[in-house]
Protein backbone atom coordinates (compact mmCIF):
# COMPACT_ATOMS: atom_id res chain seq x y z
CA MET A 1 -0.11 -0.21 -0.01
CA LYS A 2 2.79 2.34 0.69
CA PHE A 3 3.95 2.18 -3.02
CA ILE A 4 0.53 3.04 -4.30
CA GLN A 5 0.33 5.92 -1.68
CA PHE A 6 3.75 7.25 -2.94
CA PHE A 7 2.76 7.05 -6.75
CA ILE A 8 -0.62 8.63 -6.29
CA ALA A 9 1.27 11.29 -4.51
CA LEU A 10 3.68 11.73 -7.23
CA PHE A 11 0.96 11.88 -9.72
CA PHE A 12 -0.78 14.74 -8.07
CA PHE A 13 2.65 16.58 -7.44
CA LEU A 14 3.41 16.61 -10.94
CA ILE A 15 0.03 17.98 -12.04
CA LEU A 16 0.07 20.84 -9.51
CA ILE A 17 3.72 22.03 -9.86
CA PRO A 18 4.53 24.93 -12.46
CA HIS A 19 5.57 23.11 -15.59
CA PRO A 20 9.18 24.21 -16.90
CA LEU A 21 7.76 24.68 -20.26
CA ASN A 22 5.21 27.28 -19.10
CA ALA A 23 7.63 28.93 -17.15
CA VAL A 24 9.84 29.38 -20.42
CA GLU A 25 6.77 30.58 -22.24
CA SER A 26 5.82 33.17 -19.72
CA THR A 27 9.42 34.85 -20.08
CA SER A 28 9.47 34.85 -23.69
CA PRO A 29 9.89 38.17 -25.62
CA LEU A 30 6.38 37.71 -27.19
CA ASN A 31 4.73 37.17 -23.64
CA GLU A 32 6.67 40.41 -22.50
CA LEU A 33 5.16 42.33 -25.21
CA ASP A 34 1.65 40.80 -24.43
CA GLU A 35 2.40 42.27 -20.75
CA VAL A 36 2.90 45.69 -22.27
CA ALA A 37 -0.27 45.58 -24.46
CA ASP A 38 -1.92 44.62 -21.16
CA GLN A 39 -0.49 47.58 -19.36
CA ALA A 40 -1.50 49.87 -22.16
CA LEU A 41 -5.11 48.71 -21.77
CA GLN A 42 -4.99 49.38 -17.96
CA MET A 43 -3.67 52.58 -18.28
CA THR A 44 -6.36 53.50 -20.77
CA LYS A 45 -9.05 52.15 -18.56
CA ALA A 46 -7.75 54.33 -15.79
CA GLY A 47 -7.69 57.45 -18.00
CA ARG A 48 -3.99 57.65 -18.02
CA TYR A 49 -3.75 58.30 -21.65
CA GLU A 50 -0.23 59.68 -21.84
CA GLU A 51 1.12 56.66 -20.13
CA ALA A 52 -0.74 54.39 -22.46
CA LYS A 53 0.53 56.20 -25.40
CA HIS A 54 4.05 55.69 -24.28
CA LEU A 55 3.53 51.97 -23.62
CA LEU A 56 2.10 51.82 -27.16
CA VAL A 57 5.07 53.58 -28.65
CA TYR A 58 7.49 51.31 -26.61
CA PHE A 59 5.47 48.31 -27.83
CA SER A 60 5.98 49.32 -31.53
CA ASP A 61 9.65 49.73 -31.21
CA GLU A 62 10.18 46.51 -29.38
CA PHE A 63 8.00 44.39 -31.74
CA ALA A 64 9.83 45.83 -34.83
CA SER A 65 13.11 44.29 -33.06
CA LEU A 66 11.27 41.05 -32.30
CA SER A 67 9.76 40.86 -35.84
CA ALA A 68 13.51 41.12 -37.36
CA GLN A 69 14.43 37.85 -35.17
CA ARG A 70 11.07 35.94 -35.38
CA SER A 71 8.97 35.33 -38.63
CA PHE A 72 5.39 36.22 -38.51
CA SER A 73 2.85 35.55 -41.33
CA MET A 74 1.70 38.61 -43.46
CA ASP A 75 -1.85 38.41 -41.86
CA GLU A 76 -0.52 38.39 -38.38
CA LEU A 77 1.63 41.54 -39.28
CA ARG A 78 -1.25 43.30 -40.93
CA ILE A 79 -3.75 42.48 -38.35
CA LEU A 80 -1.60 43.60 -35.47
CA THR A 81 -0.14 46.60 -37.29
CA ILE A 82 -3.81 47.85 -38.02
CA SER A 83 -4.97 47.23 -34.40
CA HIS A 84 -1.96 48.91 -32.83
CA ASN A 85 -2.38 51.78 -35.24
CA LEU A 86 -6.07 52.29 -34.43
CA ALA A 87 -5.42 52.15 -30.61
CA VAL A 88 -2.73 54.90 -30.88
CA GLU A 89 -4.96 56.95 -33.11
CA SER A 90 -7.72 56.60 -30.70
CA ILE A 91 -5.55 57.66 -27.73
CA ASN A 92 -4.31 60.55 -29.67
CA GLN A 93 -7.80 61.66 -30.59
CA THR A 94 -9.16 64.38 -28.29
CA SER A 95 -12.71 63.93 -29.61
CA ALA A 96 -12.89 60.29 -28.70
CA ASP A 97 -14.51 59.48 -25.44
CA MET A 98 -13.31 56.99 -23.02
CA GLU A 99 -15.34 54.02 -24.13
CA GLN A 100 -13.90 54.49 -27.72
CA LYS A 101 -10.36 54.68 -26.57
CA VAL A 102 -10.78 51.64 -24.33
CA ASN A 103 -12.47 49.47 -27.17
CA ALA A 104 -9.79 50.48 -29.57
CA VAL A 105 -6.89 49.47 -27.12
CA THR A 106 -9.03 46.36 -26.06
CA LYS A 107 -9.19 45.24 -29.64
CA PHE A 108 -5.34 45.52 -29.94
CA ARG A 109 -4.95 43.81 -26.55
CA LEU A 110 -6.92 40.87 -27.77
CA VAL A 111 -5.03 40.55 -30.95
CA MET A 112 -1.76 40.48 -29.14
CA ASP A 113 -3.03 37.89 -26.77
CA ALA A 114 -4.17 35.73 -29.86
CA LEU A 115 -0.86 35.97 -31.32
CA SER A 116 1.19 35.04 -28.24
CA SER A 117 -1.24 32.58 -26.49
CA GLN A 118 -1.17 28.85 -27.33
CA TYR A 119 -4.10 28.04 -25.44
CA GLN A 120 -7.59 29.81 -24.94
CA PRO A 121 -7.42 33.19 -25.95
CA LEU A 122 -8.87 36.30 -24.19
CA TRP A 123 -11.43 36.99 -26.82
CA VAL A 124 -13.32 33.98 -25.76
CA GLU A 125 -14.13 35.67 -22.64
CA MET A 126 -16.27 38.23 -24.70
CA GLU A 127 -18.80 35.52 -25.28
CA ASP A 128 -21.32 36.49 -22.73
CA PRO A 129 -21.49 40.29 -23.50
CA ILE A 130 -21.60 39.33 -27.29
CA MET A 131 -24.22 36.68 -27.07
CA GLU A 132 -26.40 39.02 -24.71
CA ALA A 133 -26.29 41.96 -27.27
CA PHE A 134 -27.01 39.35 -29.93
CA ASN A 135 -30.12 38.05 -27.85
CA GLY A 136 -31.20 41.77 -27.77
CA VAL A 137 -31.29 41.84 -31.44
CA LYS A 138 -33.39 38.77 -31.73
CA SER A 139 -35.83 40.00 -29.05
CA ALA A 140 -36.27 43.17 -30.98
CA ALA A 141 -36.83 41.50 -34.29
CA GLU A 142 -39.27 39.07 -32.68
CA ASN A 143 -41.35 42.17 -31.35
CA GLY A 144 -41.03 43.91 -34.57
CA ASN A 145 -39.86 47.02 -32.72
CA ALA A 146 -37.74 48.76 -35.49
CA ASP A 147 -36.02 51.42 -33.17
CA GLU A 148 -34.84 48.78 -30.73
CA TYR A 149 -33.77 46.56 -33.43
CA HIS A 150 -31.36 49.10 -34.91
CA THR A 151 -30.02 50.39 -31.53
CA THR A 152 -29.54 46.61 -30.40
CA LEU A 153 -27.80 45.70 -33.54
CA ASN A 154 -25.43 48.60 -33.23
CA VAL A 155 -24.59 47.57 -30.00
CA PHE A 156 -23.75 43.91 -31.01
CA LEU A 157 -21.83 45.16 -34.12
CA SER A 158 -19.89 47.24 -31.63
CA LYS A 159 -18.83 44.44 -29.43
CA TYR A 160 -18.24 42.05 -32.32
CA ASN A 161 -15.90 44.51 -33.85
CA ILE A 162 -13.70 44.33 -30.71
CA ILE A 163 -12.91 40.72 -31.22
CA GLN A 164 -13.16 40.50 -35.00
CA PRO A 165 -9.36 41.08 -35.81
CA SER A 166 -8.35 38.53 -32.90
CA ILE A 167 -10.41 35.78 -34.21
CA LYS A 168 -9.02 35.77 -37.46
CA LEU A 169 -5.69 34.90 -36.10
CA ASP A 170 -7.42 31.66 -34.19
CA ILE A 171 -9.72 30.47 -36.97
CA SER A 172 -9.64 29.27 -40.60
CA VAL A 173 -9.96 32.00 -43.25
CA GLU A 174 -13.02 30.48 -44.60
CA ARG A 175 -14.76 30.43 -41.31
CA ALA A 176 -13.71 33.97 -40.76
CA GLN A 177 -14.89 35.10 -44.07
CA ALA A 178 -18.23 33.23 -43.79
CA LEU A 179 -18.89 34.69 -40.28
CA ASP A 180 -18.02 38.39 -41.53
CA ALA A 181 -20.03 37.92 -44.72
CA ARG A 182 -23.17 37.03 -42.63
CA ILE A 183 -22.62 39.95 -40.28
CA SER A 184 -21.87 42.39 -42.97
CA TYR A 185 -25.17 41.33 -44.76
CA LEU A 186 -27.22 41.74 -41.56
CA ASP A 187 -25.49 45.25 -41.20
CA HIS A 188 -25.89 46.57 -44.59
CA TYR A 189 -29.28 45.25 -45.32
CA ARG A 190 -30.69 45.67 -41.58
CA GLN A 191 -34.07 47.27 -42.76
CA ASP A 192 -34.51 44.46 -45.45
CA VAL A 193 -33.66 41.65 -43.04
CA LEU A 194 -36.15 43.07 -40.31
CA GLU A 195 -38.98 43.18 -42.71
CA SER A 196 -38.30 39.84 -44.52
CA THR A 197 -40.28 36.75 -43.60
CA GLU A 198 -37.07 34.82 -43.18
CA THR A 199 -35.65 37.29 -40.42
CA MET A 200 -35.62 34.70 -37.69
CA THR A 201 -34.14 32.08 -39.86
CA GLU A 202 -31.32 34.57 -40.77
CA LEU A 203 -30.68 35.41 -37.00
CA THR A 204 -30.82 31.86 -35.99
CA SER A 205 -28.19 30.89 -38.33
CA LEU A 206 -25.96 33.77 -37.12
CA GLU A 207 -26.58 32.77 -33.59
CA THR A 208 -25.46 29.17 -34.42
CA ASP A 209 -22.34 30.29 -35.93
CA LEU A 210 -21.32 32.42 -32.99
CA GLU A 211 -22.11 29.81 -30.44
CA LYS A 212 -19.65 27.37 -32.64
CA LEU A 213 -17.14 29.90 -32.74
CA PHE A 214 -16.96 30.19 -28.94
CA GLU A 215 -17.56 26.34 -28.23
CA ASN A 216 -14.68 25.36 -30.69
CA LYS A 217 -12.30 27.65 -28.90
CA GLN A 218 -13.30 26.45 -25.48
CA GLU A 219 -12.66 22.63 -26.49
CA ASP A 220 -9.33 20.99 -26.22
CA GLU A 221 -7.40 23.75 -24.49
CA ALA A 222 -5.30 21.52 -22.28
CA ASP A 223 -1.63 21.91 -22.32
CA PRO A 224 -0.40 18.89 -24.33
CA SER A 225 2.82 18.71 -22.06
CA LEU A 226 0.16 18.32 -19.12
CA TRP A 227 -1.35 15.37 -20.79
CA TRP A 228 1.91 13.81 -21.35
CA VAL A 229 2.69 14.05 -17.59
CA ILE A 230 -0.78 12.53 -16.72
CA ILE A 231 -0.53 9.76 -19.18
CA SER A 232 3.13 8.86 -18.15
CA THR A 233 2.27 9.10 -14.37
CA GLY A 234 -0.95 7.08 -15.09
CA SER A 235 1.15 4.34 -16.61
CA ILE A 236 3.43 4.20 -13.71
CA ILE A 237 0.36 3.76 -11.33
CA VAL A 238 -1.13 1.12 -13.45
CA SER A 239 2.06 -0.80 -13.69
CA THR A 240 2.58 -0.39 -9.97
CA LEU A 241 -1.05 -1.60 -9.16
CA SER A 242 -0.33 -4.42 -11.67
CA TYR A 243 2.82 -5.37 -9.80
CA VAL A 244 1.38 -5.24 -6.51
CA GLY A 245 -1.48 -7.35 -7.67
CA TRP A 246 0.68 -9.97 -9.14
CA ARG A 247 2.80 -10.08 -6.02
CA LYS A 248 -0.32 -10.57 -3.84
CA TYR A 249 -1.64 -13.30 -6.09
CA LYS A 250 1.72 -15.16 -6.17
CA GLY A 251 1.92 -14.79 -2.47
CA GLN A 252 -1.60 -16.40 -2.01
CA GLY A 253 -0.60 -19.07 -4.40
CA GLU A 254 2.55 -19.92 -2.54
CA ALA A 255 0.72 -19.94 0.79
CA LYS A 256 -2.05 -22.48 -0.69
CA LYS A 257 0.86 -24.49 -1.85
CA SER A 258 2.62 -24.52 1.49
CA GLU A 259 -0.63 -25.57 3.18
CA ARG A 260 -1.14 -28.55 0.87
CA GLN A 261 2.29 -29.79 1.45
CA LYS A 262 1.90 -29.72 5.22
CA ASN A 263 -1.45 -31.70 4.81
C-alpha cells in the first residue's frame, strides 16, 4: 500500500507544480510584449492616456526588433499593425470618449493575446456580452420593434468589432470570411432583414455560427505537456498496481501450496 500511496502522491505533485515549459513561455519576448499591451489597456481604462501612449510606442519599437528575429505571417503582421495603429490613433484623438479609447486598445490587446497565447485566447471571454447583445437583437426582431432593433444591432456590431481581428488569428480563413459575410449582410441590409419573412431564420443561423465560434475555442485547450505528464504518471500507477496485484496473487498461491504440502 505504501508504494501505491507514493505514486498517487507523485501523480498529483506533477500535475500541481508549475511546468517548466510554461515558465519558459511566460518569460518569452512575445509574452513580455503581451504584458506591455495589457498595461497599455489598464492605463487607458484608468484614463492615464499619456502613459498608455508611451506604452504603445514602446511596444511598436520592441515588436519591430522582435519581428526582425522571429518570422510572422503577413496576416499576423497586418492584423497586429492595423489594430495597434487604431489604438494609438484613438488615444491621440481628443474627440474620442473613454469608451472609444478603451474599445480600441482592447481590440489591440486581444490581437496581441491571440498572437502570443497557445491555448484559450482572451477574446473567448467576450462570449457573454456578445451573446447578450445578440439576444437583444433577436428579441427586438421578434417584437417587430424597429427602433430597438437598430439600437441593439449597433451594440452587437460594436462588441463584435472588438474581437473580429483577433478571431482571424485563431480560426480558418474560410470560417472567418463566412462569419464576416453573414454579419456584414445583417448590417448593410438591416431594414430588409427586419422586414423579411425569413428574418428569424437568418438570425438563428448567425446565432448558431457564433455559438460554434466560442465552443470550438473552449474545447481541447489543455496543455499537451500536461497530458503527457498525466499519461506517463498514470502508466506508472497502473504498472505499480499490476505489480502489487501480481505479488499478492503469487503470495496467495505460494501460501496455498505450502498448506497443501503440510497436509
